[in-house]
C-alpha cells in the first residue's frame, strides 16, 4: 500500500506547531528554564507529543511499505534507517528519543530536568532534519 501523504504531512504539521510553541523554552538558559516549573511541564508534554507523532509516522511508513510493524518504538527508528529513509547513524541517534518518550509517558523513577532541557535543545537540530527527510520520502511516493 502507498504511504498516506496526507497523514504524514498532517503529523509533520502538528510536530512543527509543537516546535513553534516549544521554541521560547528552548531559548532559555538552564537557570531561566528551571526558574519556572511551567517550563519543565510544557517541555515534557511537547517532547512527548513530538516524539509520539514521529513514532506514528515511522510505524505508518514501515507498515504501508509492506513490512511487519516494529517490535517497539526504538525499533521504529532503526527500521527507517535500514530502509534507507533516514541515515542509519541518524536513525540510531533518533531511536534514543523513544526511551525519553516512554520515560515521560510513564514517569519511570522521576524525570531529570537537565535531560529534558538537553532534549529540548537537541530537538531543534535533529527534528527539522528528520521532518525534511520524511517529507522528501513521502513526496516521492
N, C-alpha and C. Protein backbone atom coordinates (compact mmCIF):
# COMPACT_ATOMS: atom_id res chain seq x y z
N UNK A 1 0.85 -1.19 0.00
CA UNK A 1 0.00 0.00 0.00
C UNK A 1 0.89 1.25 0.00
N UNK A 2 0.40 2.31 -0.62
CA UNK A 2 1.21 3.53 -0.63
C UNK A 2 1.14 4.27 0.70
N UNK A 3 2.18 5.03 0.94
CA UNK A 3 2.22 5.86 2.13
C UNK A 3 1.18 6.97 1.98
N UNK A 4 0.41 7.19 3.02
CA UNK A 4 -0.63 8.23 3.02
C UNK A 4 0.04 9.59 3.23
N UNK A 5 0.26 10.32 2.14
CA UNK A 5 0.94 11.62 2.21
C UNK A 5 0.20 12.60 3.09
N UNK A 6 -1.12 12.56 3.05
CA UNK A 6 -1.92 13.49 3.85
C UNK A 6 -1.71 13.23 5.33
N UNK A 7 -1.72 11.97 5.73
CA UNK A 7 -1.49 11.63 7.13
C UNK A 7 -0.09 12.07 7.56
N UNK A 8 0.90 11.76 6.75
CA UNK A 8 2.28 12.11 7.09
C UNK A 8 2.44 13.63 7.20
N UNK A 9 1.90 14.34 6.25
CA UNK A 9 2.02 15.81 6.28
C UNK A 9 1.26 16.41 7.45
N UNK A 10 0.13 15.82 7.81
CA UNK A 10 -0.62 16.31 8.97
C UNK A 10 0.20 16.14 10.25
N UNK A 11 0.86 14.99 10.37
CA UNK A 11 1.71 14.75 11.55
C UNK A 11 2.91 15.70 11.54
N UNK A 12 3.49 15.93 10.37
CA UNK A 12 4.60 16.87 10.26
C UNK A 12 4.16 18.27 10.70
N UNK A 13 2.98 18.67 10.26
CA UNK A 13 2.45 19.98 10.64
C UNK A 13 2.24 20.08 12.14
N UNK A 14 1.69 19.04 12.74
CA UNK A 14 1.47 19.05 14.19
C UNK A 14 2.79 19.12 14.96
N UNK A 15 3.79 18.40 14.47
CA UNK A 15 5.12 18.45 15.10
C UNK A 15 5.69 19.87 14.97
N UNK A 16 5.57 20.45 13.80
CA UNK A 16 6.09 21.81 13.58
C UNK A 16 5.39 22.82 14.48
N UNK A 17 4.08 22.68 14.66
CA UNK A 17 3.34 23.58 15.55
C UNK A 17 3.82 23.43 16.99
N UNK A 18 4.03 22.19 17.44
CA UNK A 18 4.53 21.98 18.80
C UNK A 18 5.93 22.56 18.96
N UNK A 19 6.74 22.45 17.92
CA UNK A 19 8.09 23.02 17.99
C UNK A 19 8.05 24.53 18.08
N UNK A 20 7.12 25.15 17.37
CA UNK A 20 6.96 26.61 17.49
C UNK A 20 6.62 27.00 18.92
N UNK A 21 5.76 26.24 19.55
CA UNK A 21 5.38 26.51 20.93
C UNK A 21 6.51 26.22 21.91
N UNK A 22 7.36 25.28 21.55
CA UNK A 22 8.50 24.91 22.40
C UNK A 22 9.68 25.86 22.23
N UNK A 23 9.71 26.59 21.14
CA UNK A 23 10.85 27.47 20.81
C UNK A 23 11.22 28.44 21.93
N UNK A 24 10.25 29.17 22.53
CA UNK A 24 10.64 30.10 23.60
C UNK A 24 11.34 29.41 24.77
N UNK A 25 10.92 28.20 25.07
CA UNK A 25 11.56 27.46 26.16
C UNK A 25 12.98 27.06 25.75
N UNK A 26 13.17 26.71 24.49
CA UNK A 26 14.49 26.29 24.01
C UNK A 26 15.50 27.44 24.05
N UNK A 27 15.00 28.65 24.04
CA UNK A 27 15.88 29.82 24.03
C UNK A 27 16.32 30.25 25.44
N UNK A 28 15.73 29.63 26.45
CA UNK A 28 16.11 29.95 27.83
C UNK A 28 17.44 29.29 28.18
N UNK A 29 18.21 29.97 29.03
CA UNK A 29 19.37 29.28 29.58
C UNK A 29 18.85 28.36 30.69
N UNK A 30 19.72 27.50 31.18
CA UNK A 30 19.25 26.49 32.15
C UNK A 30 18.65 27.14 33.40
N UNK A 31 19.25 28.21 33.88
CA UNK A 31 18.72 28.89 35.07
C UNK A 31 17.31 29.42 34.82
N UNK A 32 17.11 30.01 33.67
CA UNK A 32 15.79 30.51 33.32
C UNK A 32 14.78 29.39 33.15
N UNK A 33 15.27 28.28 32.61
CA UNK A 33 14.40 27.12 32.41
C UNK A 33 13.87 26.57 33.73
N UNK A 34 14.76 26.37 34.69
CA UNK A 34 14.33 25.77 35.96
C UNK A 34 13.69 26.78 36.91
N UNK A 35 13.76 28.06 36.57
CA UNK A 35 13.18 29.09 37.44
C UNK A 35 11.66 29.01 37.50
N UNK A 36 11.05 28.42 36.47
CA UNK A 36 9.59 28.33 36.42
C UNK A 36 9.20 26.89 36.09
N UNK A 37 8.54 26.23 37.01
CA UNK A 37 8.15 24.84 36.84
C UNK A 37 7.32 24.62 35.57
N UNK A 38 6.59 25.64 35.15
CA UNK A 38 5.78 25.51 33.93
C UNK A 38 6.64 25.20 32.71
N UNK A 39 7.85 25.72 32.68
CA UNK A 39 8.75 25.45 31.55
C UNK A 39 9.01 23.96 31.42
N UNK A 40 9.32 23.32 32.54
CA UNK A 40 9.60 21.89 32.51
C UNK A 40 8.35 21.08 32.14
N UNK A 41 7.23 21.46 32.69
CA UNK A 41 5.98 20.75 32.39
C UNK A 41 5.64 20.87 30.91
N UNK A 42 5.73 22.07 30.38
CA UNK A 42 5.44 22.27 28.96
C UNK A 42 6.45 21.55 28.07
N UNK A 43 7.72 21.63 28.43
CA UNK A 43 8.75 20.96 27.64
C UNK A 43 8.50 19.45 27.61
N UNK A 44 8.20 18.88 28.75
CA UNK A 44 7.93 17.44 28.82
C UNK A 44 6.77 17.06 27.92
N UNK A 45 5.69 17.80 28.01
CA UNK A 45 4.50 17.47 27.23
C UNK A 45 4.74 17.65 25.73
N UNK A 46 5.38 18.75 25.34
CA UNK A 46 5.67 18.96 23.92
C UNK A 46 6.60 17.87 23.39
N UNK A 47 7.62 17.51 24.14
CA UNK A 47 8.53 16.46 23.70
C UNK A 47 7.80 15.13 23.55
N UNK A 48 6.95 14.82 24.50
CA UNK A 48 6.18 13.57 24.43
C UNK A 48 5.31 13.54 23.18
N UNK A 49 4.64 14.65 22.90
CA UNK A 49 3.79 14.72 21.72
C UNK A 49 4.60 14.64 20.42
N UNK A 50 5.70 15.37 20.36
CA UNK A 50 6.54 15.38 19.17
C UNK A 50 7.08 13.98 18.89
N UNK A 51 7.65 13.37 19.89
CA UNK A 51 8.24 12.03 19.71
C UNK A 51 7.14 11.02 19.37
N UNK A 52 6.00 11.12 20.03
CA UNK A 52 4.89 10.22 19.74
C UNK A 52 4.44 10.32 18.29
N UNK A 53 4.39 11.52 17.77
CA UNK A 53 3.99 11.72 16.37
C UNK A 53 5.05 11.21 15.41
N UNK A 54 6.31 11.36 15.77
CA UNK A 54 7.38 10.80 14.94
C UNK A 54 7.24 9.28 14.88
N UNK A 55 6.97 8.67 16.01
CA UNK A 55 6.78 7.22 16.07
C UNK A 55 5.58 6.80 15.22
N UNK A 56 4.50 7.58 15.29
CA UNK A 56 3.33 7.29 14.45
C UNK A 56 3.71 7.29 12.97
N UNK A 57 4.48 8.30 12.56
CA UNK A 57 4.94 8.39 11.18
C UNK A 57 5.78 7.16 10.82
N UNK A 58 6.70 6.82 11.71
CA UNK A 58 7.57 5.66 11.46
C UNK A 58 6.76 4.40 11.22
N UNK A 59 5.84 4.12 12.13
CA UNK A 59 5.02 2.91 12.01
C UNK A 59 4.22 2.92 10.71
N UNK A 60 3.63 4.06 10.39
CA UNK A 60 2.82 4.16 9.18
C UNK A 60 3.66 3.83 7.95
N UNK A 61 4.82 4.46 7.84
CA UNK A 61 5.68 4.24 6.68
C UNK A 61 6.10 2.78 6.59
N UNK A 62 6.53 2.23 7.68
CA UNK A 62 7.03 0.85 7.68
C UNK A 62 5.93 -0.14 7.29
N UNK A 63 4.78 -0.03 7.90
CA UNK A 63 3.69 -0.96 7.64
C UNK A 63 3.13 -0.78 6.22
N UNK A 64 2.97 0.47 5.81
CA UNK A 64 2.42 0.72 4.47
C UNK A 64 3.38 0.27 3.37
N UNK A 65 4.65 0.17 3.68
CA UNK A 65 5.62 -0.34 2.69
C UNK A 65 5.64 -1.86 2.67
N UNK A 66 4.78 -2.47 3.49
CA UNK A 66 4.63 -3.93 3.45
C UNK A 66 5.49 -4.69 4.44
N UNK A 67 6.11 -3.99 5.38
CA UNK A 67 6.93 -4.66 6.37
C UNK A 67 6.13 -4.86 7.66
N UNK A 68 6.51 -5.84 8.46
CA UNK A 68 5.80 -6.03 9.74
C UNK A 68 6.05 -4.83 10.66
N UNK A 69 5.12 -4.57 11.56
CA UNK A 69 5.31 -3.46 12.48
C UNK A 69 6.59 -3.65 13.30
N UNK A 70 7.24 -2.56 13.65
CA UNK A 70 8.42 -2.67 14.51
C UNK A 70 8.06 -3.32 15.84
N UNK A 71 9.05 -3.91 16.46
CA UNK A 71 8.80 -4.58 17.75
C UNK A 71 8.59 -3.58 18.88
N UNK A 72 9.13 -2.38 18.73
CA UNK A 72 8.94 -1.33 19.74
C UNK A 72 9.23 0.02 19.11
N UNK A 73 9.07 1.06 19.90
CA UNK A 73 9.25 2.43 19.39
C UNK A 73 10.69 2.67 18.93
N UNK A 74 11.63 2.18 19.72
CA UNK A 74 13.05 2.31 19.37
C UNK A 74 13.30 1.70 17.99
N UNK A 75 12.78 0.50 17.79
CA UNK A 75 12.97 -0.21 16.54
C UNK A 75 12.34 0.51 15.35
N UNK A 76 11.32 1.33 15.62
CA UNK A 76 10.68 2.06 14.51
C UNK A 76 11.67 3.01 13.83
N UNK A 77 12.55 3.61 14.62
CA UNK A 77 13.57 4.49 14.04
C UNK A 77 14.65 3.66 13.34
N UNK A 78 15.06 2.57 13.99
CA UNK A 78 16.10 1.71 13.42
C UNK A 78 15.66 1.17 12.06
N UNK A 79 14.39 0.76 11.95
CA UNK A 79 13.89 0.23 10.68
C UNK A 79 13.88 1.30 9.59
N UNK A 80 13.59 2.56 9.95
CA UNK A 80 13.66 3.63 8.94
C UNK A 80 15.08 3.75 8.40
N UNK A 81 16.05 3.55 9.27
CA UNK A 81 17.45 3.57 8.82
C UNK A 81 17.76 2.40 7.92
N UNK A 82 17.29 1.22 8.29
CA UNK A 82 17.54 0.03 7.47
C UNK A 82 16.86 0.14 6.11
N UNK A 83 15.73 0.83 6.06
CA UNK A 83 15.01 1.02 4.80
C UNK A 83 15.59 2.20 4.00
N UNK A 84 16.61 2.84 4.56
CA UNK A 84 17.31 3.97 3.91
C UNK A 84 16.41 5.18 3.69
N UNK A 85 15.43 5.32 4.58
CA UNK A 85 14.57 6.50 4.54
C UNK A 85 15.27 7.64 5.28
N UNK A 86 15.98 7.27 6.33
CA UNK A 86 16.89 8.18 7.03
C UNK A 86 18.21 7.43 7.18
N UNK A 87 19.29 8.15 7.40
CA UNK A 87 20.59 7.50 7.57
C UNK A 87 20.62 6.62 8.80
N UNK A 88 21.41 5.55 8.75
CA UNK A 88 21.45 4.59 9.86
C UNK A 88 21.95 5.23 11.16
N UNK A 89 23.02 6.01 11.08
CA UNK A 89 23.54 6.65 12.30
C UNK A 89 22.53 7.64 12.87
N UNK A 90 21.88 8.37 11.97
CA UNK A 90 20.84 9.31 12.41
C UNK A 90 19.68 8.55 13.03
N UNK A 91 19.32 7.42 12.45
CA UNK A 91 18.23 6.57 12.99
C UNK A 91 18.58 6.12 14.41
N UNK A 92 19.83 5.71 14.61
CA UNK A 92 20.27 5.27 15.94
C UNK A 92 20.21 6.42 16.94
N UNK A 93 20.56 7.61 16.50
CA UNK A 93 20.50 8.78 17.38
C UNK A 93 19.05 9.09 17.75
N UNK A 94 18.18 9.11 16.74
CA UNK A 94 16.77 9.41 16.99
C UNK A 94 16.09 8.33 17.83
N UNK A 95 16.54 7.09 17.69
CA UNK A 95 15.93 5.98 18.43
C UNK A 95 16.01 6.21 19.94
N UNK A 96 17.02 6.96 20.37
CA UNK A 96 17.13 7.26 21.80
C UNK A 96 15.92 8.04 22.32
N UNK A 97 15.28 8.78 21.43
CA UNK A 97 14.11 9.56 21.85
C UNK A 97 12.95 8.67 22.25
N UNK A 98 12.92 7.43 21.75
CA UNK A 98 11.85 6.51 22.14
C UNK A 98 11.91 6.24 23.64
N UNK A 99 13.11 6.09 24.16
CA UNK A 99 13.26 5.89 25.61
C UNK A 99 12.82 7.11 26.39
N UNK A 100 13.14 8.30 25.87
CA UNK A 100 12.71 9.53 26.52
C UNK A 100 11.19 9.62 26.53
N UNK A 101 10.57 9.29 25.40
CA UNK A 101 9.11 9.32 25.30
C UNK A 101 8.48 8.39 26.33
N UNK A 102 9.02 7.17 26.45
CA UNK A 102 8.49 6.22 27.43
C UNK A 102 8.68 6.73 28.85
N UNK A 103 9.82 7.30 29.09
CA UNK A 103 10.13 7.84 30.42
C UNK A 103 9.13 8.95 30.77
N UNK A 104 8.86 9.83 29.82
CA UNK A 104 7.91 10.92 30.05
C UNK A 104 6.49 10.40 30.22
N UNK A 105 6.10 9.46 29.38
CA UNK A 105 4.73 8.95 29.42
C UNK A 105 4.44 8.15 30.67
N UNK A 106 5.44 7.42 31.16
CA UNK A 106 5.21 6.51 32.28
C UNK A 106 5.87 6.95 33.58
N UNK A 107 6.60 8.07 33.52
CA UNK A 107 7.25 8.66 34.71
C UNK A 107 8.08 7.65 35.49
N UNK A 108 8.94 6.93 34.75
CA UNK A 108 9.83 5.98 35.41
C UNK A 108 10.83 6.70 36.30
N UNK A 109 10.87 6.35 37.57
CA UNK A 109 11.89 6.83 38.51
C UNK A 109 12.11 8.34 38.49
N UNK A 110 11.08 9.11 38.29
CA UNK A 110 11.23 10.56 38.25
C UNK A 110 11.85 11.02 36.94
N UNK A 111 11.84 12.30 36.76
CA UNK A 111 12.33 12.87 35.50
C UNK A 111 13.43 13.87 35.81
N UNK A 112 14.55 13.72 35.16
CA UNK A 112 15.71 14.59 35.35
C UNK A 112 15.53 15.85 34.50
N UNK A 113 15.35 16.99 35.14
CA UNK A 113 15.09 18.23 34.38
C UNK A 113 16.24 18.62 33.48
N UNK A 114 17.47 18.22 33.83
CA UNK A 114 18.61 18.52 32.95
C UNK A 114 18.51 17.73 31.65
N UNK A 115 18.06 16.49 31.72
CA UNK A 115 17.92 15.69 30.50
C UNK A 115 16.81 16.25 29.61
N UNK A 116 15.76 16.72 30.23
CA UNK A 116 14.67 17.32 29.45
C UNK A 116 15.16 18.59 28.78
N UNK A 117 15.87 19.41 29.52
CA UNK A 117 16.42 20.66 28.98
C UNK A 117 17.34 20.35 27.78
N UNK A 118 18.22 19.36 27.94
CA UNK A 118 19.12 18.98 26.85
C UNK A 118 18.34 18.44 25.65
N UNK A 119 17.28 17.68 25.92
CA UNK A 119 16.45 17.13 24.84
C UNK A 119 15.77 18.26 24.05
N UNK A 120 15.34 19.30 24.77
CA UNK A 120 14.71 20.44 24.11
C UNK A 120 15.71 21.09 23.17
N UNK A 121 16.93 21.25 23.61
CA UNK A 121 17.97 21.86 22.78
C UNK A 121 18.24 21.00 21.53
N UNK A 122 18.37 19.69 21.71
CA UNK A 122 18.63 18.78 20.59
C UNK A 122 17.46 18.72 19.61
N UNK A 123 16.29 18.91 20.14
CA UNK A 123 15.07 18.87 19.34
C UNK A 123 15.17 19.79 18.13
N UNK A 124 15.80 20.92 18.29
CA UNK A 124 15.84 21.92 17.23
C UNK A 124 16.95 21.70 16.21
N UNK A 125 17.77 20.68 16.43
CA UNK A 125 18.73 20.30 15.40
C UNK A 125 18.29 19.00 14.72
N UNK A 126 17.83 18.05 15.50
CA UNK A 126 17.52 16.73 14.96
C UNK A 126 16.14 16.64 14.29
N UNK A 127 15.15 17.21 14.88
CA UNK A 127 13.79 17.02 14.37
C UNK A 127 13.56 17.72 13.04
N UNK A 128 14.03 18.94 12.82
CA UNK A 128 13.86 19.52 11.48
C UNK A 128 14.50 18.65 10.38
N UNK A 129 15.65 18.07 10.67
CA UNK A 129 16.30 17.17 9.71
C UNK A 129 15.42 15.95 9.46
N UNK A 130 14.90 15.34 10.52
CA UNK A 130 14.01 14.19 10.39
C UNK A 130 12.78 14.55 9.55
N UNK A 131 12.17 15.69 9.84
CA UNK A 131 10.96 16.10 9.12
C UNK A 131 11.24 16.31 7.64
N UNK A 132 12.38 16.90 7.31
CA UNK A 132 12.74 17.11 5.90
C UNK A 132 12.91 15.78 5.18
N UNK A 133 13.59 14.83 5.82
CA UNK A 133 13.80 13.53 5.21
C UNK A 133 12.48 12.78 5.00
N UNK A 134 11.61 12.86 5.99
CA UNK A 134 10.31 12.18 5.90
C UNK A 134 9.46 12.84 4.83
N UNK A 135 9.45 14.16 4.78
CA UNK A 135 8.65 14.86 3.78
C UNK A 135 9.18 14.54 2.38
N UNK A 136 10.49 14.50 2.23
CA UNK A 136 11.09 14.16 0.94
C UNK A 136 10.68 12.74 0.52
N UNK A 137 10.72 11.82 1.46
CA UNK A 137 10.34 10.44 1.17
C UNK A 137 8.86 10.36 0.79
N UNK A 138 7.99 11.01 1.57
CA UNK A 138 6.55 10.97 1.29
C UNK A 138 6.22 11.62 -0.04
N UNK A 139 6.97 12.65 -0.39
CA UNK A 139 6.73 13.34 -1.66
C UNK A 139 7.04 12.47 -2.87
N UNK A 140 8.03 11.58 -2.71
CA UNK A 140 8.42 10.69 -3.81
C UNK A 140 7.41 9.56 -4.01
N UNK A 141 6.73 9.20 -2.96
CA UNK A 141 5.86 8.01 -3.03
C UNK A 141 4.52 8.37 -3.55
